[in-house]
């Protein structure tokens, strides 16, 4: 749920008008130019956008694994 909301592109693209309200995925799209792309800036921004997801995953990893283990148990 969180990851899908974090990476949503079409919903905010339709509803948001001002660049100051853009989501992370729309902000990343701003790095793509019409004629050229600043790849080093796009990759650096992608890493910054990825960091909160990685922090959440590694802090909650034991709960994810515990949920998988309990799903496989019968009885």
N, C-alpha and C. Protein backbone atom coordinates (compact mmCIF):
# COMPACT_ATOMS: atom_id res chain seq x y z
N UNK A 1 0.82 -1.19 0.00
CA UNK A 1 0.00 0.00 0.00
C UNK A 1 0.87 1.26 0.00
N UNK A 2 1.82 1.33 0.90
CA UNK A 2 2.67 2.51 0.99
C UNK A 2 3.50 2.70 -0.27
N UNK A 3 4.09 1.61 -0.75
CA UNK A 3 4.96 1.70 -1.92
C UNK A 3 4.16 2.09 -3.16
N UNK A 4 2.96 1.58 -3.31
CA UNK A 4 2.12 1.96 -4.44
C UNK A 4 1.74 3.42 -4.40
N UNK A 5 1.46 3.93 -3.22
CA UNK A 5 1.14 5.35 -3.07
C UNK A 5 2.38 6.20 -3.31
N UNK A 6 3.52 5.75 -2.83
CA UNK A 6 4.76 6.49 -2.97
C UNK A 6 5.14 6.63 -4.45
N UNK A 7 4.92 5.59 -5.23
CA UNK A 7 5.31 5.58 -6.63
C UNK A 7 4.20 5.97 -7.60
N UNK A 8 3.05 6.39 -7.09
CA UNK A 8 1.93 6.74 -7.96
C UNK A 8 2.32 7.90 -8.87
N UNK A 9 2.02 7.74 -10.16
CA UNK A 9 2.39 8.78 -11.12
C UNK A 9 1.16 9.43 -11.75
N UNK A 10 0.22 8.63 -12.22
CA UNK A 10 -0.90 9.19 -12.99
C UNK A 10 -1.87 10.00 -12.14
N UNK A 11 -2.18 9.56 -10.93
CA UNK A 11 -3.11 10.29 -10.08
C UNK A 11 -2.64 11.71 -9.79
N UNK A 12 -1.44 11.87 -9.24
CA UNK A 12 -0.95 13.23 -9.00
C UNK A 12 -0.75 14.04 -10.27
N UNK A 13 -0.40 13.38 -11.37
CA UNK A 13 -0.22 14.09 -12.63
C UNK A 13 -1.52 14.73 -13.08
N UNK A 14 -2.63 14.05 -12.84
CA UNK A 14 -3.94 14.57 -13.24
C UNK A 14 -4.40 15.68 -12.30
N UNK A 15 -4.21 15.51 -11.00
CA UNK A 15 -4.82 16.41 -10.03
C UNK A 15 -3.96 17.61 -9.63
N UNK A 16 -2.65 17.47 -9.62
CA UNK A 16 -1.79 18.55 -9.13
C UNK A 16 -1.43 19.51 -10.26
N UNK A 17 -1.42 20.79 -9.95
CA UNK A 17 -1.12 21.80 -10.95
C UNK A 17 0.20 22.53 -10.69
N UNK A 18 0.55 22.74 -9.43
CA UNK A 18 1.75 23.50 -9.12
C UNK A 18 2.92 22.56 -8.82
N UNK A 19 4.10 22.87 -9.35
CA UNK A 19 5.27 22.01 -9.13
C UNK A 19 5.67 21.89 -7.66
N UNK A 20 5.31 22.83 -6.83
CA UNK A 20 5.68 22.73 -5.42
C UNK A 20 4.89 21.63 -4.70
N UNK A 21 3.78 21.18 -5.27
CA UNK A 21 2.97 20.12 -4.68
C UNK A 21 3.22 18.75 -5.31
N UNK A 22 4.13 18.66 -6.28
CA UNK A 22 4.37 17.41 -6.98
C UNK A 22 4.90 16.34 -6.03
N UNK A 23 4.56 15.10 -6.33
CA UNK A 23 5.07 13.96 -5.58
C UNK A 23 6.49 13.63 -6.05
N UNK A 24 7.09 12.63 -5.42
CA UNK A 24 8.47 12.26 -5.75
C UNK A 24 8.58 11.80 -7.19
N UNK A 25 7.66 10.97 -7.64
CA UNK A 25 7.75 10.46 -9.01
C UNK A 25 7.56 11.58 -10.04
N UNK A 26 6.70 12.53 -9.76
CA UNK A 26 6.55 13.66 -10.68
C UNK A 26 7.79 14.56 -10.63
N UNK A 27 8.38 14.69 -9.47
CA UNK A 27 9.62 15.46 -9.37
C UNK A 27 10.75 14.82 -10.15
N UNK A 28 10.82 13.50 -10.13
CA UNK A 28 11.85 12.81 -10.91
C UNK A 28 11.63 13.02 -12.41
N UNK A 29 10.38 13.11 -12.81
CA UNK A 29 10.06 13.33 -14.23
C UNK A 29 10.55 14.69 -14.70
N UNK A 30 10.68 15.64 -13.78
CA UNK A 30 11.15 16.98 -14.14
C UNK A 30 12.61 16.99 -14.58
N UNK A 31 13.37 15.94 -14.25
CA UNK A 31 14.77 15.87 -14.66
C UNK A 31 14.93 15.45 -16.11
N UNK A 32 13.87 14.94 -16.72
CA UNK A 32 13.94 14.55 -18.13
C UNK A 32 13.66 15.78 -18.99
N UNK A 33 14.62 16.13 -19.82
CA UNK A 33 14.46 17.28 -20.69
C UNK A 33 13.85 16.90 -22.02
N UNK A 34 13.52 17.91 -22.82
CA UNK A 34 12.94 17.64 -24.13
C UNK A 34 13.99 17.11 -25.09
N UNK A 35 15.19 17.63 -25.00
CA UNK A 35 16.24 17.24 -25.93
C UNK A 35 17.38 16.47 -25.28
N UNK A 36 17.55 16.63 -23.99
CA UNK A 36 18.64 15.95 -23.29
C UNK A 36 18.21 15.65 -21.87
N UNK A 37 18.86 14.67 -21.27
CA UNK A 37 18.57 14.28 -19.90
C UNK A 37 19.84 14.37 -19.09
N UNK A 38 19.75 15.01 -17.95
CA UNK A 38 20.88 15.08 -17.03
C UNK A 38 20.86 13.80 -16.19
N UNK A 39 21.51 12.75 -16.69
CA UNK A 39 21.41 11.44 -16.07
C UNK A 39 22.00 11.41 -14.67
N UNK A 40 23.07 12.12 -14.44
CA UNK A 40 23.69 12.10 -13.12
C UNK A 40 22.76 12.74 -12.08
N UNK A 41 22.05 13.79 -12.46
CA UNK A 41 21.09 14.40 -11.54
C UNK A 41 19.87 13.51 -11.31
N UNK A 42 19.42 12.85 -12.37
CA UNK A 42 18.28 11.95 -12.26
C UNK A 42 18.60 10.75 -11.36
N UNK A 43 19.79 10.20 -11.51
CA UNK A 43 20.17 9.06 -10.68
C UNK A 43 20.38 9.46 -9.22
N UNK A 44 20.93 10.63 -8.98
CA UNK A 44 21.10 11.11 -7.60
C UNK A 44 19.73 11.35 -6.95
N UNK A 45 18.81 11.94 -7.69
CA UNK A 45 17.46 12.17 -7.15
C UNK A 45 16.73 10.85 -6.94
N UNK A 46 16.95 9.89 -7.81
CA UNK A 46 16.32 8.58 -7.64
C UNK A 46 16.82 7.89 -6.37
N UNK A 47 18.09 8.04 -6.08
CA UNK A 47 18.65 7.47 -4.86
C UNK A 47 18.04 8.13 -3.62
N UNK A 48 17.88 9.44 -3.66
CA UNK A 48 17.26 10.15 -2.54
C UNK A 48 15.80 9.73 -2.38
N UNK A 49 15.11 9.48 -3.48
CA UNK A 49 13.72 9.03 -3.41
C UNK A 49 13.61 7.60 -2.90
N UNK A 50 14.63 6.80 -3.13
CA UNK A 50 14.64 5.40 -2.72
C UNK A 50 14.98 5.22 -1.25
N UNK A 51 15.72 6.12 -0.68
CA UNK A 51 16.20 5.98 0.70
C UNK A 51 15.08 5.80 1.74
N UNK A 52 14.00 6.58 1.73
CA UNK A 52 12.95 6.34 2.75
C UNK A 52 12.33 4.95 2.65
N UNK A 53 12.16 4.44 1.45
CA UNK A 53 11.61 3.09 1.27
C UNK A 53 12.57 2.05 1.86
N UNK A 54 13.87 2.21 1.61
CA UNK A 54 14.84 1.27 2.15
C UNK A 54 14.90 1.31 3.67
N UNK A 55 14.83 2.50 4.24
CA UNK A 55 14.85 2.63 5.70
C UNK A 55 13.63 1.95 6.31
N UNK A 56 12.47 2.17 5.73
CA UNK A 56 11.24 1.53 6.24
C UNK A 56 11.33 0.02 6.11
N UNK A 57 11.86 -0.46 4.97
CA UNK A 57 11.96 -1.91 4.78
C UNK A 57 12.90 -2.54 5.81
N UNK A 58 14.08 -1.96 6.00
CA UNK A 58 15.04 -2.58 6.91
C UNK A 58 14.63 -2.44 8.37
N UNK A 59 13.90 -1.41 8.71
CA UNK A 59 13.43 -1.32 10.10
C UNK A 59 12.27 -2.26 10.37
N UNK A 60 11.46 -2.55 9.37
CA UNK A 60 10.30 -3.42 9.56
C UNK A 60 10.50 -4.81 8.95
N UNK A 61 11.73 -5.14 8.61
CA UNK A 61 12.00 -6.41 7.94
C UNK A 61 11.60 -7.61 8.79
N UNK A 62 11.82 -7.57 10.08
CA UNK A 62 11.47 -8.72 10.93
C UNK A 62 9.97 -8.97 10.92
N UNK A 63 9.16 -7.91 10.81
CA UNK A 63 7.71 -8.09 10.77
C UNK A 63 7.26 -8.66 9.43
N UNK A 64 7.93 -8.27 8.34
CA UNK A 64 7.62 -8.84 7.04
C UNK A 64 7.91 -10.34 7.03
N UNK A 65 9.06 -10.73 7.53
CA UNK A 65 9.45 -12.14 7.56
C UNK A 65 8.55 -12.92 8.50
N UNK A 66 8.21 -12.34 9.64
CA UNK A 66 7.33 -12.99 10.59
C UNK A 66 5.95 -13.24 9.97
N UNK A 67 5.46 -12.30 9.18
CA UNK A 67 4.18 -12.48 8.49
C UNK A 67 4.23 -13.60 7.48
N UNK A 68 5.34 -13.73 6.77
CA UNK A 68 5.51 -14.82 5.81
C UNK A 68 5.58 -16.15 6.51
N UNK A 69 6.26 -16.22 7.64
CA UNK A 69 6.38 -17.47 8.39
C UNK A 69 5.02 -17.89 8.92
N UNK A 70 4.26 -16.96 9.50
CA UNK A 70 2.95 -17.31 10.05
C UNK A 70 1.94 -17.68 8.96
N UNK A 71 2.11 -17.16 7.78
CA UNK A 71 1.20 -17.50 6.68
C UNK A 71 1.36 -18.97 6.29
N UNK A 72 2.57 -19.50 6.40
CA UNK A 72 2.83 -20.88 6.00
C UNK A 72 2.44 -21.92 7.06
N UNK A 73 2.07 -21.49 8.27
CA UNK A 73 1.74 -22.44 9.33
C UNK A 73 0.28 -22.87 9.26
N UNK A 74 0.04 -24.13 9.53
CA UNK A 74 -1.33 -24.63 9.60
C UNK A 74 -1.71 -24.87 11.04
N UNK A 75 -2.98 -24.75 11.30
CA UNK A 75 -3.43 -25.21 12.56
C UNK A 75 -3.89 -24.24 13.52
